[in-house]
Amino acid sequence: MYNPPDPTSFNRIVWQIVQQIPEGKVSTYGQLASMIPPPQDVAPEQYQRLAPRWVGSAMQAVPPGQGIPWQRVINSQGQISLPRGSAGADEQRALLDMEGVLFDPEGRVDFDKVGWDGPPSDWLEAHQLASPRSLKKSTKPKSSQPGLF
């Protein structure tokens, strides 16, 4: 099953989520997939394996002129997925550069700085979506007592 059971609906959900990513932030195919519940006829394990690819297909099918910031979706290694040096990769990099997204010499972003935390919980709830998994590698420990760090 290389495509979702209902690609039109799946793509629409992906695009709605992508429209929530603010300028200067990025998400990944996997993070977007983590917000979308598995279709009824797809086992959760199979969905977990296939859904990031389905998100990639949705991103390839973004209709032009719809205000969907496709450039803000990258791979889990923090890199642009399009072939390096291709017109599409150059365009995506230029758009992200204009938004202030910084890349290291290997072409990776720092998810701790530009990784998106996902839409607000009320938006997720209204769209019947799950909280996204975090892209950030470092987390500050939370203190249970005020004033302690």
C-alpha atoms as a PDB file:
ATOM      1  CA  MET A   1       0.000   0.000   0.000  1.00  0.00           C
ATOM      2  CA  TYR A   2       2.087   2.876  -1.300  1.00  0.00           C
ATOM      3  CA  ASN A   3      -0.739   5.401  -1.182  1.00  0.00           C
ATOM      4  CA  PRO A   4      -3.244   6.197   1.557  1.00  0.00           C
ATOM      5  CA  PRO A   5      -6.687   4.637   1.078  1.00  0.00           C
ATOM      6  CA  ASP A   6      -8.108   8.114   0.339  1.00  0.00           C
ATOM      7  CA  PRO A   7      -5.237  10.251  -1.026  1.00  0.00           C
ATOM      8  CA  THR A   8      -7.428  13.314  -1.585  1.00  0.00           C
ATOM      9  CA  SER A   9      -8.536  13.492   2.055  1.00  0.00           C
ATOM     10  CA  PHE A  10      -5.078  12.608   3.378  1.00  0.00           C
ATOM     11  CA  ASN A  11      -3.424  15.296   1.252  1.00  0.00           C
ATOM     12  CA  ARG A  12      -5.966  17.888   2.359  1.00  0.00           C
ATOM     13  CA  ILE A  13      -5.219  17.142   6.024  1.00  0.00           C
ATOM     14  CA  VAL A  14      -1.459  17.346   5.421  1.00  0.00           C
ATOM     15  CA  TRP A  15      -1.813  20.692   3.651  1.00  0.00           C
ATOM     16  CA  GLN A  16      -4.005  22.095   6.450  1.00  0.00           C
ATOM     17  CA  ILE A  17      -1.320  21.171   8.978  1.00  0.00           C
ATOM     18  CA  VAL A  18       1.510  22.573   6.839  1.00  0.00           C
ATOM     19  CA  GLN A  19      -0.329  25.893   6.620  1.00  0.00           C
ATOM     20  CA  GLN A  20       0.066  26.146  10.406  1.00  0.00           C
ATOM     21  CA  ILE A  21       3.889  26.035  10.303  1.00  0.00           C
ATOM     22  CA  PRO A  22       5.104  29.572  10.985  1.00  0.00           C
ATOM     23  CA  GLU A  23       7.787  31.345   9.006  1.00  0.00           C
ATOM     24  CA  GLY A  24      11.275  30.433  10.221  1.00  0.00           C
ATOM     25  CA  LYS A  25      10.216  27.004  11.512  1.00  0.00           C
ATOM     26  CA  VAL A  26      10.376  23.558   9.894  1.00  0.00           C
ATOM     27  CA  SER A  27       8.612  20.240  10.291  1.00  0.00           C
ATOM     28  CA  THR A  28       9.373  16.772   8.983  1.00  0.00           C
ATOM     29  CA  TYR A  29       7.377  14.221   7.053  1.00  0.00           C
ATOM     30  CA  GLY A  30       7.325  12.004  10.136  1.00  0.00           C
ATOM     31  CA  GLN A  31       6.239  14.759  12.492  1.00  0.00           C
ATOM     32  CA  LEU A  32       3.329  15.650  10.213  1.00  0.00           C
ATOM     33  CA  ALA A  33       2.369  11.984   9.929  1.00  0.00           C
ATOM     34  CA  SER A  34       2.429  11.637  13.727  1.00  0.00           C
ATOM     35  CA  MET A  35      -0.488  14.073  13.993  1.00  0.00           C
ATOM     36  CA  ILE A  36      -2.771  12.231  11.579  1.00  0.00           C
ATOM     37  CA  PRO A  37      -4.608   9.175  12.922  1.00  0.00           C
ATOM     38  CA  PRO A  38      -4.243   5.978  10.894  1.00  0.00           C
ATOM     39  CA  PRO A  39      -7.026   5.368   8.361  1.00  0.00           C
ATOM     40  CA  GLN A  40      -9.548   2.809   9.545  1.00  0.00           C
ATOM     41  CA  ASP A  41      -8.298  -0.022   7.311  1.00  0.00           C
ATOM     42  CA  VAL A  42      -4.580   0.474   8.056  1.00  0.00           C
ATOM     43  CA  ALA A  43      -2.841  -1.235  10.974  1.00  0.00           C
ATOM     44  CA  PRO A  44      -1.020   1.227  13.269  1.00  0.00           C
ATOM     45  CA  GLU A  45       2.374  -0.443  12.656  1.00  0.00           C
ATOM     46  CA  GLN A  46       1.887  -0.274   8.900  1.00  0.00           C
ATOM     47  CA  TYR A  47       0.714   3.330   9.155  1.00  0.00           C
ATOM     48  CA  GLN A  48       3.755   4.330  11.209  1.00  0.00           C
ATOM     49  CA  ARG A  49       5.998   2.902   8.496  1.00  0.00           C
ATOM     50  CA  LEU A  50       4.126   4.283   5.465  1.00  0.00           C
ATOM     51  CA  ALA A  51       2.665   7.592   6.627  1.00  0.00           C
ATOM     52  CA  PRO A  52       5.841   9.707   6.249  1.00  0.00           C
ATOM     53  CA  ARG A  53       6.024   8.559   2.611  1.00  0.00           C
ATOM     54  CA  TRP A  54       2.375   9.463   2.162  1.00  0.00           C
ATOM     55  CA  VAL A  55       3.143  12.920   3.559  1.00  0.00           C
ATOM     56  CA  GLY A  56       5.996  13.182   1.039  1.00  0.00           C
ATOM     57  CA  SER A  57       3.575  12.347  -1.760  1.00  0.00           C
ATOM     58  CA  ALA A  58       1.151  14.981  -0.441  1.00  0.00           C
ATOM     59  CA  MET A  59       3.949  17.542  -0.485  1.00  0.00           C
ATOM     60  CA  GLN A  60       4.826  16.639  -4.080  1.00  0.00           C
ATOM     61  CA  ALA A  61       1.181  17.244  -4.989  1.00  0.00           C
ATOM     62  CA  VAL A  62       0.852  20.705  -3.392  1.00  0.00           C
ATOM     63  CA  PRO A  63      -1.281  22.783  -5.749  1.00  0.00           C
ATOM     64  CA  PRO A  64       0.434  26.039  -6.741  1.00  0.00           C
ATOM     65  CA  GLY A  65      -0.979  29.318  -5.524  1.00  0.00           C
ATOM     66  CA  GLN A  66      -2.710  27.894  -2.454  1.00  0.00           C
ATOM     67  CA  GLY A  67      -0.424  29.474   0.159  1.00  0.00           C
ATOM     68  CA  ILE A  68       0.880  26.127   1.382  1.00  0.00           C
ATOM     69  CA  PRO A  69       4.437  26.689   2.663  1.00  0.00           C
ATOM     70  CA  TRP A  70       5.832  23.435   1.248  1.00  0.00           C
ATOM     71  CA  GLN A  71       9.403  24.606   1.792  1.00  0.00           C
ATOM     72  CA  ARG A  72       8.993  24.208   5.564  1.00  0.00           C
ATOM     73  CA  VAL A  73       8.816  20.407   5.363  1.00  0.00           C
ATOM     74  CA  ILE A  74      12.166  18.605   5.370  1.00  0.00           C
ATOM     75  CA  ASN A  75      13.435  15.134   6.230  1.00  0.00           C
ATOM     76  CA  SER A  76      14.165  13.706   9.671  1.00  0.00           C
ATOM     77  CA  GLN A  77      17.905  14.296   9.230  1.00  0.00           C
ATOM     78  CA  GLY A  78      17.194  18.029   9.033  1.00  0.00           C
ATOM     79  CA  GLN A  79      17.935  18.221   5.323  1.00  0.00           C
ATOM     80  CA  ILE A  80      16.078  19.145   2.184  1.00  0.00           C
ATOM     81  CA  SER A  81      14.938  15.900   0.550  1.00  0.00           C
ATOM     82  CA  LEU A  82      15.058  17.066  -3.043  1.00  0.00           C
ATOM     83  CA  PRO A  83      18.244  16.156  -4.921  1.00  0.00           C
ATOM     84  CA  ARG A  84      21.049  18.531  -3.988  1.00  0.00           C
ATOM     85  CA  GLY A  85      21.679  21.016  -6.780  1.00  0.00           C
ATOM     86  CA  SER A  86      18.263  20.519  -8.363  1.00  0.00           C
ATOM     87  CA  ALA A  87      16.127  23.566  -9.129  1.00  0.00           C
ATOM     88  CA  GLY A  88      13.577  22.457  -6.519  1.00  0.00           C
ATOM     89  CA  ALA A  89      16.210  22.011  -3.800  1.00  0.00           C
ATOM     90  CA  ASP A  90      17.743  25.387  -4.622  1.00  0.00           C
ATOM     91  CA  GLU A  91      14.316  27.044  -4.471  1.00  0.00           C
ATOM     92  CA  GLN A  92      13.465  25.376  -1.157  1.00  0.00           C
ATOM     93  CA  ARG A  93      16.810  26.405   0.344  1.00  0.00           C
ATOM     94  CA  ALA A  94      16.407  29.987  -0.899  1.00  0.00           C
ATOM     95  CA  LEU A  95      12.902  30.237   0.565  1.00  0.00           C
ATOM     96  CA  LEU A  96      14.075  28.876   3.923  1.00  0.00           C
ATOM     97  CA  ASP A  97      17.118  31.174   3.880  1.00  0.00           C
ATOM     98  CA  MET A  98      14.780  34.162   3.355  1.00  0.00           C
ATOM     99  CA  GLU A  99      12.800  33.027   6.417  1.00  0.00           C
ATOM    100  CA  GLY A 100      15.963  32.965   8.530  1.00  0.00           C
ATOM    101  CA  VAL A 101      16.345  29.184   8.710  1.00  0.00           C
ATOM    102  CA  LEU A 102      20.061  28.456   9.082  1.00  0.00           C
ATOM    103  CA  PHE A 103      21.824  25.395   7.672  1.00  0.00           C
ATOM    104  CA  ASP A 104      25.156  23.965   8.798  1.00  0.00           C
ATOM    105  CA  PRO A 105      27.932  23.186   6.260  1.00  0.00           C
ATOM    106  CA  GLU A 106      26.419  19.704   5.701  1.00  0.00           C
ATOM    107  CA  GLY A 107      23.060  21.247   4.773  1.00  0.00           C
ATOM    108  CA  ARG A 108      21.264  20.393   8.023  1.00  0.00           C
ATOM    109  CA  VAL A 109      19.127  22.558  10.276  1.00  0.00           C
ATOM    110  CA  ASP A 110      19.216  22.546  14.063  1.00  0.00           C
ATOM    111  CA  PHE A 111      15.810  21.259  15.152  1.00  0.00           C
ATOM    112  CA  ASP A 112      16.396  22.696  18.626  1.00  0.00           C
ATOM    113  CA  LYS A 113      16.384  26.173  17.037  1.00  0.00           C
ATOM    114  CA  VAL A 114      13.968  25.881  14.105  1.00  0.00           C
ATOM    115  CA  GLY A 115      11.969  22.716  14.818  1.00  0.00           C
ATOM    116  CA  TRP A 116       8.235  23.357  14.987  1.00  0.00           C
ATOM    117  CA  ASP A 117       6.333  22.338  18.113  1.00  0.00           C
ATOM    118  CA  GLY A 118       3.070  21.850  16.217  1.00  0.00           C
ATOM    119  CA  PRO A 119      -0.241  23.688  16.126  1.00  0.00           C
ATOM    120  CA  PRO A 120      -2.003  24.806  19.298  1.00  0.00           C
ATOM    121  CA  SER A 121      -3.847  22.026  21.117  1.00  0.00           C
ATOM    122  CA  ASP A 122      -7.256  23.592  20.456  1.00  0.00           C
ATOM    123  CA  TRP A 123      -6.533  23.581  16.700  1.00  0.00           C
ATOM    124  CA  LEU A 124      -5.454  19.938  16.869  1.00  0.00           C
ATOM    125  CA  GLU A 125      -8.562  19.024  18.831  1.00  0.00           C
ATOM    126  CA  ALA A 126     -10.868  20.882  16.429  1.00  0.00           C
ATOM    127  CA  HIS A 127      -9.325  18.931  13.526  1.00  0.00           C
ATOM    128  CA  GLN A 128      -9.282  15.605  15.419  1.00  0.00           C
ATOM    129  CA  LEU A 129      -5.499  15.344  15.212  1.00  0.00           C
ATOM    130  CA  ALA A 130      -2.903  14.133  17.685  1.00  0.00           C
ATOM    131  CA  SER A 131      -0.128  16.123  19.324  1.00  0.00           C
ATOM    132  CA  PRO A 132       3.016  15.927  17.202  1.00  0.00           C
ATOM    133  CA  ARG A 133       6.181  14.231  18.291  1.00  0.00           C
ATOM    134  CA  SER A 134       8.915  16.665  19.140  1.00  0.00           C
ATOM    135  CA  LEU A 135      11.772  17.396  16.764  1.00  0.00           C
ATOM    136  CA  LYS A 136      13.916  18.847  19.514  1.00  0.00           C
ATOM    137  CA  LYS A 137      16.777  16.789  20.861  1.00  0.00           C
ATOM    138  CA  SER A 138      17.437  18.850  23.953  1.00  0.00           C
ATOM    139  CA  THR A 139      14.801  19.562  26.499  1.00  0.00           C
ATOM    140  CA  LYS A 140      15.193  21.664  29.577  1.00  0.00           C
ATOM    141  CA  PRO A 141      14.261  19.780  32.746  1.00  0.00           C
ATOM    142  CA  LYS A 142      11.100  21.075  34.308  1.00  0.00           C
ATOM    143  CA  SER A 143      11.246  21.865  37.973  1.00  0.00           C
ATOM    144  CA  SER A 144       8.381  20.867  40.219  1.00  0.00           C
ATOM    145  CA  GLN A 145       9.112  23.780  42.547  1.00  0.00           C
ATOM    146  CA  PRO A 146       8.862  27.443  41.566  1.00  0.00           C
ATOM    147  CA  GLY A 147      12.153  29.277  41.413  1.00  0.00           C
ATOM    148  CA  LEU A 148      14.284  26.171  40.877  1.00  0.00           C
ATOM    149  CA  PHE A 149      16.069  25.526  37.588  1.00  0.00           C
END
